[in-house]
């Protein structure tokens, strides 16, 4: 982060008001991770199937280029933070932004349209009554109570005390959600201060896209900038060791005592909560990045809905969307071409290959039209839950030695003896 700020000659003012800080921290919501359709299988001539116009179906995967880095090129909060007296939802002048705390209503007329991918994630606690009998049985066997923690949810309930960036709020209102009450708002000056480093990393990623090591390193650098925005020192703790009974009694009696572990009969390790910390992370940037990156994802899904007839979303994994489409007219390539995606990762002989949007941040890249595994044509997708799924690819290259399956949610050792069929069998249990 320091290197990025120095490269851009950027200046940023940290939040000094505890009320503002707590409001922003309460508004930080994690990325979207969804498992919508548990299993889907494609049927197409390209997969060697005998199909008709009525049952032709393909599975498409799209990945958002440099999602967090692309959002960092937008205007970010930099200074002049103040609570707004009697705030209203209004058009703001250039260079001025706001974080709102609002109540919102999800109209019933939007439910059918948004059933696959609900708008506006929010945080709340889940009650045991909302769980299925199987989930309640699993909960009773768990140590601790995971329901005590807030979860990022996507449903049609009313949003209460939702903290949200003004651009995200404008998008949700434009899509039909209603603001029923405005509690408060933080206004600030905003500037695209990190745009130079974004352009540099994007150009380097494009330049070295064929070098897996450098490409991965550049992507990691981009993600690390976002990660620094979330560094919350209030979660840090202190560790102290005790070698005597008196010291052990003293540490265990402290008001900030959290936990202990006996290392050997003469040594005990204590975990103590920090009594104070320095809030020197740009949490406002974290909230902005997470809110606006979700908007980029929603806009991509909106384009898909407007391009295909009744596409069925399978799963969403932070910056990627898997969906199935019926193709009675066998016009997949024509429709994909009209979506202005990044086709630069395809083989140069592919009909869709183009350098027009190569590695542009916040542009969706096609991940399911490769000539070989992985990222070839998708045969089927089995998604047990978010972050736990298997994708089976089709490959007609007899010399291809790559794995035909991409498995997520397991350890490296577990992946060695787990197959796509194992995931399918798990669904039937």
Protein backbone atom coordinates (compact mmCIF):
# COMPACT_ATOMS: atom_id res chain seq x y z
CA UNK A 1 0.00 0.00 0.00
CA UNK A 2 2.80 2.43 0.87
CA UNK A 3 4.49 1.75 -2.47
CA UNK A 4 1.21 2.34 -4.33
CA UNK A 5 0.59 5.62 -2.50
CA UNK A 6 4.15 6.76 -3.16
CA UNK A 7 3.98 5.85 -6.86
CA UNK A 8 0.75 7.85 -7.26
CA UNK A 9 1.98 10.71 -5.04
CA UNK A 10 -1.33 10.26 -3.23
CA UNK A 11 -2.44 11.68 0.11
CA UNK A 12 -5.16 10.20 2.28
CA UNK A 13 -6.73 11.35 5.54
CA UNK A 14 -7.66 8.61 8.01
CA UNK A 15 -10.94 8.62 9.92
CA UNK A 16 -10.49 10.17 13.35
CA UNK A 17 -14.10 10.08 14.55
CA UNK A 18 -14.97 6.82 16.32
CA UNK A 19 -18.63 7.08 15.30
CA UNK A 20 -17.65 7.30 11.64
CA UNK A 21 -15.16 4.47 12.01
CA UNK A 22 -17.69 2.10 13.58
CA UNK A 23 -20.30 2.98 10.96
CA UNK A 24 -17.87 2.18 8.13
CA UNK A 25 -16.70 -1.08 9.77
CA UNK A 26 -20.33 -2.18 10.15
CA UNK A 27 -20.85 -1.53 6.45
CA UNK A 28 -18.04 -3.76 5.15
CA UNK A 29 -19.65 -6.82 3.54
CA UNK A 30 -17.80 -9.78 2.09
CA UNK A 31 -17.88 -10.86 -1.57
CA UNK A 32 -20.78 -12.76 -3.14
CA UNK A 33 -20.42 -16.55 -2.93
CA UNK A 34 -23.50 -18.43 -4.18
CA UNK A 35 -24.48 -21.96 -5.09
CA UNK A 36 -27.80 -21.56 -6.90
CA UNK A 37 -28.15 -24.71 -9.02
CA UNK A 38 -26.70 -27.89 -7.55
CA UNK A 39 -26.17 -29.71 -10.84
CA UNK A 40 -26.32 -28.82 -14.51
CA UNK A 41 -25.20 -30.67 -17.62
CA UNK A 42 -24.65 -29.34 -21.12
CA UNK A 43 -25.95 -30.95 -24.32
CA UNK A 44 -24.38 -29.78 -27.56
CA UNK A 45 -22.98 -30.98 -30.88
CA UNK A 46 -19.64 -29.56 -29.76
CA UNK A 47 -19.65 -32.04 -26.87
CA UNK A 48 -20.32 -34.99 -29.14
CA UNK A 49 -24.01 -35.21 -28.22
CA UNK A 50 -26.91 -35.91 -30.53
CA UNK A 51 -29.18 -32.93 -29.89
CA UNK A 52 -32.16 -31.10 -31.32
CA UNK A 53 -32.99 -27.42 -31.22
CA UNK A 54 -35.27 -28.12 -28.25
CA UNK A 55 -32.68 -29.65 -25.90
CA UNK A 56 -29.47 -27.88 -26.91
CA UNK A 57 -27.89 -26.35 -23.80
CA UNK A 58 -24.44 -24.98 -23.01
CA UNK A 59 -22.72 -23.88 -19.82
CA UNK A 60 -20.78 -20.62 -19.91
CA UNK A 61 -18.23 -19.32 -17.40
CA UNK A 62 -17.21 -15.66 -17.20
CA UNK A 63 -14.53 -14.14 -14.99
CA UNK A 64 -14.20 -10.44 -14.18
CA UNK A 65 -10.75 -9.10 -15.05
CA UNK A 66 -8.87 -7.53 -12.11
CA UNK A 67 -12.08 -6.83 -10.21
CA UNK A 68 -10.67 -5.15 -7.10
CA UNK A 69 -7.93 -3.36 -9.03
CA UNK A 70 -10.46 -1.99 -11.50
CA UNK A 71 -12.59 -0.52 -8.72
CA UNK A 72 -9.48 1.14 -7.25
CA UNK A 73 -9.26 3.26 -10.40
CA UNK A 74 -12.54 4.96 -9.42
CA UNK A 75 -12.76 8.01 -7.19
CA UNK A 76 -11.93 7.06 -3.59
CA UNK A 77 -12.59 8.91 -0.30
CA UNK A 78 -9.57 11.03 0.61
CA UNK A 79 -10.48 13.79 3.10
CA UNK A 80 -13.03 16.27 4.54
CA UNK A 81 -15.13 13.67 6.36
CA UNK A 82 -18.26 14.99 8.06
CA UNK A 83 -21.68 13.80 9.13
CA UNK A 84 -24.45 15.34 7.01
CA UNK A 85 -27.25 17.09 8.88
CA UNK A 86 -30.69 15.86 7.74
CA UNK A 87 -29.27 13.78 4.85
CA UNK A 88 -31.31 13.04 1.74
CA UNK A 89 -30.66 10.87 -1.31
CA UNK A 90 -29.59 13.43 -3.88
CA UNK A 91 -27.29 13.91 -6.84
CA UNK A 92 -23.85 14.89 -5.57
CA UNK A 93 -21.46 17.33 -7.22
CA UNK A 94 -18.30 16.06 -8.90
CA UNK A 95 -15.59 15.14 -6.41
CA UNK A 96 -18.02 14.62 -3.50
CA UNK A 97 -19.13 11.23 -2.20
CA UNK A 98 -21.20 9.80 0.62
CA UNK A 99 -21.65 6.69 2.71
CA UNK A 100 -25.30 6.30 3.70
CA UNK A 101 -26.98 4.35 6.48
CA UNK A 102 -30.46 3.55 5.21
CA UNK A 103 -33.44 1.21 5.42
CA UNK A 104 -34.50 -0.37 2.12
CA UNK A 105 -37.44 -2.41 0.88
CA UNK A 106 -37.33 -5.13 -1.76
CA UNK A 107 -40.62 -4.90 -3.68
CA UNK A 108 -42.42 -8.16 -4.42
CA UNK A 109 -42.64 -7.19 -8.11
CA UNK A 110 -38.84 -7.67 -8.31
CA UNK A 111 -38.72 -11.16 -6.82
CA UNK A 112 -39.18 -13.17 -10.03
CA UNK A 113 -36.63 -11.07 -11.91
CA UNK A 114 -33.96 -11.28 -9.21
CA UNK A 115 -34.62 -14.75 -7.83
CA UNK A 116 -31.35 -16.19 -9.18
CA UNK A 117 -29.13 -13.31 -8.08
CA UNK A 118 -30.68 -11.10 -5.41
CA UNK A 119 -29.53 -7.49 -5.24
CA UNK A 120 -27.93 -5.71 -2.30
CA UNK A 121 -26.08 -8.13 0.05
CA UNK A 122 -26.40 -7.25 3.72
CA UNK A 123 -25.27 -8.59 7.09
CA UNK A 124 -27.51 -10.19 9.67
CA UNK A 125 -27.64 -13.02 12.16
CA UNK A 126 -29.34 -16.23 11.07
CA UNK A 127 -31.73 -17.87 13.55
CA UNK A 128 -31.92 -21.62 14.11
CA UNK A 129 -35.56 -21.62 12.96
CA UNK A 130 -34.39 -20.71 9.45
CA UNK A 131 -32.29 -23.87 9.16
CA UNK A 132 -33.45 -27.14 7.66
CA UNK A 133 -33.74 -30.23 9.90
CA UNK A 134 -30.45 -31.56 8.50
CA UNK A 135 -28.71 -28.25 9.19
CA UNK A 136 -30.09 -28.13 12.73
CA UNK A 137 -28.79 -31.66 13.31
CA UNK A 138 -25.33 -30.64 12.06
CA UNK A 139 -25.44 -27.51 14.22
CA UNK A 140 -26.09 -29.55 17.37
CA UNK A 141 -22.90 -31.55 16.72
CA UNK A 142 -20.70 -28.49 16.24
CA UNK A 143 -18.52 -26.97 18.94
CA UNK A 144 -19.42 -23.34 19.52
CA UNK A 145 -22.33 -21.52 17.93
CA UNK A 146 -21.70 -20.18 14.40
CA UNK A 147 -25.08 -18.43 14.49
CA UNK A 148 -23.64 -15.83 16.87
CA UNK A 149 -21.73 -14.26 13.99
CA UNK A 150 -23.16 -11.97 11.34
CA UNK A 151 -23.48 -13.51 7.87
CA UNK A 152 -23.57 -11.80 4.48
CA UNK A 153 -27.02 -12.66 3.14
CA UNK A 154 -28.91 -12.37 -0.13
CA UNK A 155 -32.67 -12.54 0.34
CA UNK A 156 -35.79 -10.43 -0.16
CA UNK A 157 -36.07 -9.22 3.45
CA UNK A 158 -36.07 -5.53 4.29
CA UNK A 159 -32.63 -4.03 4.83
CA UNK A 160 -32.32 -2.26 8.18
CA UNK A 161 -29.47 0.15 8.96
CA UNK A 162 -27.68 -0.80 5.75
CA UNK A 163 -24.38 1.10 5.36
CA UNK A 164 -23.65 1.55 1.68
CA UNK A 165 -21.65 3.63 -0.81
CA UNK A 166 -23.71 6.24 -2.65
CA UNK A 167 -22.95 4.80 -6.11
CA UNK A 168 -24.09 1.34 -5.05
CA UNK A 169 -27.23 2.83 -3.50
CA UNK A 170 -28.00 4.69 -6.72
CA UNK A 171 -27.68 1.45 -8.70
CA UNK A 172 -30.02 -0.51 -6.41
CA UNK A 173 -32.61 2.29 -6.53
CA UNK A 174 -32.29 2.36 -10.32
CA UNK A 175 -32.98 -1.39 -10.33
CA UNK A 176 -36.20 -0.90 -8.38
CA UNK A 177 -35.39 -1.14 -4.66
CA UNK A 178 -36.90 1.53 -2.41
CA UNK A 179 -35.23 3.62 0.29
CA UNK A 180 -37.70 3.89 3.18
CA UNK A 181 -35.53 5.83 5.63
CA UNK A 182 -32.19 7.63 5.74
CA UNK A 183 -30.59 7.44 9.20
CA UNK A 184 -27.34 9.32 8.59
CA UNK A 185 -24.61 9.91 6.06
CA UNK A 186 -20.88 10.63 5.94
CA UNK A 187 -19.82 13.07 3.23
CA UNK A 188 -16.26 13.29 1.93
CA UNK A 189 -14.04 14.50 -0.85
CA UNK A 190 -13.16 11.82 -3.40
CA UNK A 191 -10.46 11.57 -6.06
CA UNK A 192 -9.13 8.80 -8.38
CA UNK A 193 -5.79 8.93 -6.57
CA UNK A 194 -4.74 5.32 -7.31
CA UNK A 195 -5.52 5.44 -11.03
CA UNK A 196 -1.79 5.59 -12.04
CA UNK A 197 -0.88 2.36 -10.23
CA UNK A 198 -4.00 0.66 -11.60
CA UNK A 199 -3.03 1.54 -15.17
CA UNK A 200 0.54 0.34 -14.54
CA UNK A 201 -0.48 -3.05 -13.12
CA UNK A 202 -3.14 -3.54 -15.80
CA UNK A 203 -0.62 -2.87 -18.57
CA UNK A 204 1.93 -5.21 -16.95
CA UNK A 205 -0.68 -7.95 -16.60
CA UNK A 206 -1.52 -7.63 -20.28
CA UNK A 207 2.16 -7.57 -21.26
CA UNK A 208 3.05 -10.71 -19.28
CA UNK A 209 -0.24 -12.62 -19.59
CA UNK A 210 1.57 -15.56 -21.24
CA UNK A 211 4.01 -15.82 -18.32
CA UNK A 212 2.06 -17.62 -15.59
CA UNK A 213 4.50 -16.70 -12.82
CA UNK A 214 4.67 -12.97 -13.55
CA UNK A 215 0.97 -12.77 -14.34
CA UNK A 216 0.14 -14.38 -10.99
CA UNK A 217 2.59 -12.08 -9.19
CA UNK A 218 1.05 -8.94 -10.72
CA UNK A 219 -2.43 -10.14 -9.78
CA UNK A 220 -1.23 -10.82 -6.23
CA UNK A 221 0.17 -7.28 -6.02
CA UNK A 222 -3.19 -5.90 -7.10
CA UNK A 223 -5.09 -7.99 -4.54
CA UNK A 224 -2.61 -7.02 -1.80
CA UNK A 225 -3.56 -3.35 -2.20
CA UNK A 226 -7.17 -4.29 -1.54
CA UNK A 227 -6.12 -6.54 1.34
CA UNK A 228 -4.28 -3.70 3.07
CA UNK A 229 -7.55 -1.76 3.16
CA UNK A 230 -9.08 -4.48 5.36
CA UNK A 231 -6.25 -4.75 7.89
CA UNK A 232 -8.07 -4.31 11.21
CA UNK A 233 -5.70 -4.13 14.17
CA UNK A 234 -8.58 -4.46 16.63
CA UNK A 235 -8.43 -8.19 15.84
CA UNK A 236 -4.78 -8.39 16.84
CA UNK A 237 -3.82 -9.91 20.18
CA UNK A 238 -0.76 -10.12 22.40
CA UNK A 239 1.00 -13.34 23.38
CA UNK A 240 2.80 -13.75 26.69
CA UNK A 241 4.51 -16.74 28.26
CA UNK A 242 4.45 -17.85 31.88
CA UNK A 243 6.97 -20.10 33.62
CA UNK A 244 5.69 -19.78 37.19
CA UNK A 245 2.46 -20.30 39.12
CA UNK A 246 2.38 -16.67 40.27
CA UNK A 247 2.75 -15.34 36.71
CA UNK A 248 0.08 -17.76 35.47
CA UNK A 249 -2.39 -16.54 38.11
CA UNK A 250 -1.63 -12.92 37.26
CA UNK A 251 -2.16 -13.33 33.51
CA UNK A 252 -5.33 -15.42 33.86
CA UNK A 253 -6.86 -12.74 36.13
CA UNK A 254 -6.34 -9.87 33.68
CA UNK A 255 -9.47 -8.26 32.21
CA UNK A 256 -8.14 -8.66 28.66
CA UNK A 257 -7.45 -12.40 29.03
CA UNK A 258 -8.72 -14.38 26.00
CA UNK A 259 -7.23 -17.87 25.99
CA UNK A 260 -4.30 -20.01 27.09
CA UNK A 261 -2.44 -23.15 26.05
CA UNK A 262 -0.23 -25.37 28.19
CA UNK A 263 2.90 -26.03 26.13
CA UNK A 264 4.62 -28.20 28.76
CA UNK A 265 4.44 -28.60 32.55
CA UNK A 266 6.63 -25.51 33.04
CA UNK A 267 5.42 -23.26 30.21
CA UNK A 268 2.00 -21.72 29.50
CA UNK A 269 1.15 -19.44 26.58
CA UNK A 270 -1.49 -16.72 27.11
CA UNK A 271 -3.44 -14.80 24.50
CA UNK A 272 -4.40 -11.28 25.61
CA UNK A 273 -6.63 -8.80 23.86
CA UNK A 274 -5.00 -5.50 22.92
CA UNK A 275 -6.25 -2.64 25.08
CA UNK A 276 -5.77 -0.06 22.34
CA UNK A 277 -4.91 -0.03 18.66
CA UNK A 278 -4.17 2.38 15.85
CA UNK A 279 -6.87 2.49 13.15
CA UNK A 280 -4.48 3.30 10.31
CA UNK A 281 -6.12 1.33 7.50
CA UNK A 282 -8.28 2.99 4.81
CA UNK A 283 -11.49 1.19 5.79
CA UNK A 284 -13.50 3.61 3.66
CA UNK A 285 -11.65 2.25 0.64
CA UNK A 286 -12.47 -1.32 1.66
CA UNK A 287 -16.18 -0.49 1.85
CA UNK A 288 -16.01 1.34 -1.49
CA UNK A 289 -14.15 -1.49 -3.23
CA UNK A 290 -16.49 -4.22 -1.97
CA UNK A 291 -19.68 -2.28 -2.73
CA UNK A 292 -18.66 -1.19 -6.23
CA UNK A 293 -17.17 -4.57 -7.20
CA UNK A 294 -20.56 -6.13 -6.51
CA UNK A 295 -22.15 -3.58 -8.85
CA UNK A 296 -19.74 -4.67 -11.62
CA UNK A 297 -20.88 -8.26 -11.05
CA UNK A 298 -24.57 -7.32 -11.10
CA UNK A 299 -24.13 -5.32 -14.30
CA UNK A 300 -22.47 -8.32 -15.93
CA UNK A 301 -25.39 -10.56 -14.97
CA UNK A 302 -27.83 -7.93 -16.26
CA UNK A 303 -26.07 -8.03 -19.66
CA UNK A 304 -26.36 -11.84 -19.66
CA UNK A 305 -30.09 -11.63 -18.90
CA UNK A 306 -30.62 -9.13 -21.71
CA UNK A 307 -28.62 -11.25 -24.19
CA UNK A 308 -29.98 -14.76 -23.58
CA UNK A 309 -33.53 -15.99 -23.14
CA UNK A 310 -33.98 -17.06 -19.51
CA UNK A 311 -30.37 -17.87 -18.57
CA UNK A 312 -30.04 -20.02 -15.46
CA UNK A 313 -27.34 -19.02 -13.01
CA UNK A 314 -25.43 -21.96 -11.53
CA UNK A 315 -23.03 -20.32 -9.11
CA UNK A 316 -21.20 -17.10 -8.32
CA UNK A 317 -17.65 -17.17 -6.96
CA UNK A 318 -16.55 -13.62 -6.00
CA UNK A 319 -15.61 -12.45 -9.50
CA UNK A 320 -16.94 -15.23 -11.73
CA UNK A 321 -20.36 -16.38 -12.94
CA UNK A 322 -21.32 -19.83 -14.22
CA UNK A 323 -24.63 -20.02 -16.06
CA UNK A 324 -26.55 -22.34 -18.40
CA UNK A 325 -28.41 -21.22 -21.53
CA UNK A 326 -30.80 -22.93 -23.92
CA UNK A 327 -29.83 -22.39 -27.56
CA UNK A 328 -32.67 -23.40 -29.90
CA UNK A 329 -31.10 -21.29 -32.68
CA UNK A 330 -27.54 -22.50 -32.05
CA UNK A 331 -26.37 -18.87 -31.88
CA UNK A 332 -24.05 -18.93 -28.86
CA UNK A 333 -21.13 -17.24 -30.62
CA UNK A 334 -23.30 -14.42 -32.00
CA UNK A 335 -24.72 -13.68 -28.57
CA UNK A 336 -21.35 -13.83 -26.81
CA UNK A 337 -19.82 -11.53 -29.41
CA UNK A 338 -22.54 -8.94 -28.79
CA UNK A 339 -21.64 -8.84 -25.07
CA UNK A 340 -18.24 -7.17 -25.68
CA UNK A 341 -16.28 -9.62 -23.52
CA UNK A 342 -12.53 -10.17 -23.31
CA UNK A 343 -11.80 -12.94 -25.82
CA UNK A 344 -8.02 -12.50 -25.83
CA UNK A 345 -7.41 -15.71 -23.84
CA UNK A 346 -8.95 -17.87 -26.57
CA UNK A 347 -6.97 -19.65 -29.25
CA UNK A 348 -6.25 -17.36 -32.19
CA UNK A 349 -8.13 -19.73 -34.48
CA UNK A 350 -11.31 -19.40 -32.40
CA UNK A 351 -14.13 -17.48 -34.14
CA UNK A 352 -14.49 -15.18 -31.12
CA UNK A 353 -10.79 -14.38 -30.65
CA UNK A 354 -10.15 -10.65 -30.30
CA UNK A 355 -7.63 -8.34 -28.65
CA UNK A 356 -10.13 -5.49 -28.33
CA UNK A 357 -10.75 -5.84 -24.58
CA UNK A 358 -7.59 -7.75 -23.67
CA UNK A 359 -7.09 -7.74 -19.87
CA UNK A 360 -9.15 -4.57 -19.36
CA UNK A 361 -10.13 -4.22 -15.69
CA UNK A 362 -13.82 -4.84 -14.92
CA UNK A 363 -14.41 -6.51 -18.30
CA UNK A 364 -15.67 -10.10 -18.23
CA UNK A 365 -13.37 -12.72 -19.71
CA UNK A 366 -14.72 -15.91 -21.27
CA UNK A 367 -13.44 -18.98 -19.42
CA UNK A 368 -15.35 -21.79 -21.12
CA UNK A 369 -14.23 -21.75 -24.77
CA UNK A 370 -10.67 -23.03 -24.52
CA UNK A 371 -9.40 -25.63 -26.95
CA UNK A 372 -7.99 -27.81 -24.18
CA UNK A 373 -8.33 -28.42 -20.43
CA UNK A 374 -8.61 -26.61 -18.16
CA UNK A 375 -11.05 -23.91 -19.27
CA UNK A 376 -12.28 -25.89 -22.25
CA UNK A 377 -15.92 -26.60 -23.01
CA UNK A 378 -17.87 -27.36 -19.84
CA UNK A 379 -19.65 -30.71 -19.72
CA UNK A 380 -21.23 -30.35 -16.27
CA UNK A 381 -21.11 -28.40 -13.01
CA UNK A 382 -21.81 -29.85 -9.57
CA UNK A 383 -22.01 -27.27 -6.78
CA UNK A 384 -22.62 -28.61 -3.28
CA UNK A 385 -22.37 -25.23 -1.58
CA UNK A 386 -20.45 -21.97 -2.03
CA UNK A 387 -16.71 -22.60 -2.56
CA UNK A 388 -17.31 -26.36 -2.77
CA UNK A 389 -17.85 -27.39 -6.37
CA UNK A 390 -16.55 -29.44 -9.28
CA UNK A 391 -16.46 -28.53 -12.98
CA UNK A 392 -16.07 -31.29 -15.56
CA UNK A 393 -14.54 -30.11 -18.85
CA UNK A 394 -14.86 -31.73 -22.26
CA UNK A 395 -11.78 -32.26 -24.38
CA UNK A 396 -11.57 -34.05 -27.73
CA UNK A 397 -7.78 -33.85 -27.84
CA UNK A 398 -6.46 -37.42 -27.35
CA UNK A 399 -3.01 -36.07 -26.49
CA UNK A 400 -4.27 -33.85 -23.68
CA UNK A 401 -2.89 -35.00 -20.34
CA UNK A 402 -4.39 -32.22 -18.25
CA UNK A 403 -7.07 -32.99 -15.68
CA UNK A 404 -10.60 -32.82 -17.05
CA UNK A 405 -11.93 -31.76 -13.66
CA UNK A 406 -11.45 -28.60 -11.62
CA UNK A 407 -12.31 -29.21 -7.96
CA UNK A 408 -12.65 -26.47 -5.35
CA UNK A 409 -13.16 -26.60 -1.61
CA UNK A 410 -10.84 -29.51 -0.77
CA UNK A 411 -7.23 -29.81 0.32
CA UNK A 412 -4.58 -30.73 -2.24
CA UNK A 413 -4.36 -34.23 -0.78
CA UNK A 414 -8.14 -34.72 -0.91
CA UNK A 415 -8.26 -33.58 -4.54
CA UNK A 416 -5.90 -36.40 -5.54
CA UNK A 417 -8.50 -39.07 -4.81
CA UNK A 418 -11.75 -37.13 -5.40
CA UNK A 419 -13.57 -37.14 -8.72
CA UNK A 420 -16.43 -35.23 -10.30
CA UNK A 421 -18.57 -38.34 -9.84
CA UNK A 422 -17.95 -38.17 -6.08
CA UNK A 423 -19.54 -34.73 -6.02
CA UNK A 424 -22.51 -36.00 -8.02
CA UNK A 425 -22.93 -38.98 -5.69
CA UNK A 426 -22.89 -36.65 -2.69
CA UNK A 427 -25.93 -34.85 -4.10
CA UNK A 428 -27.88 -38.11 -4.13
CA UNK A 429 -27.20 -38.93 -0.48
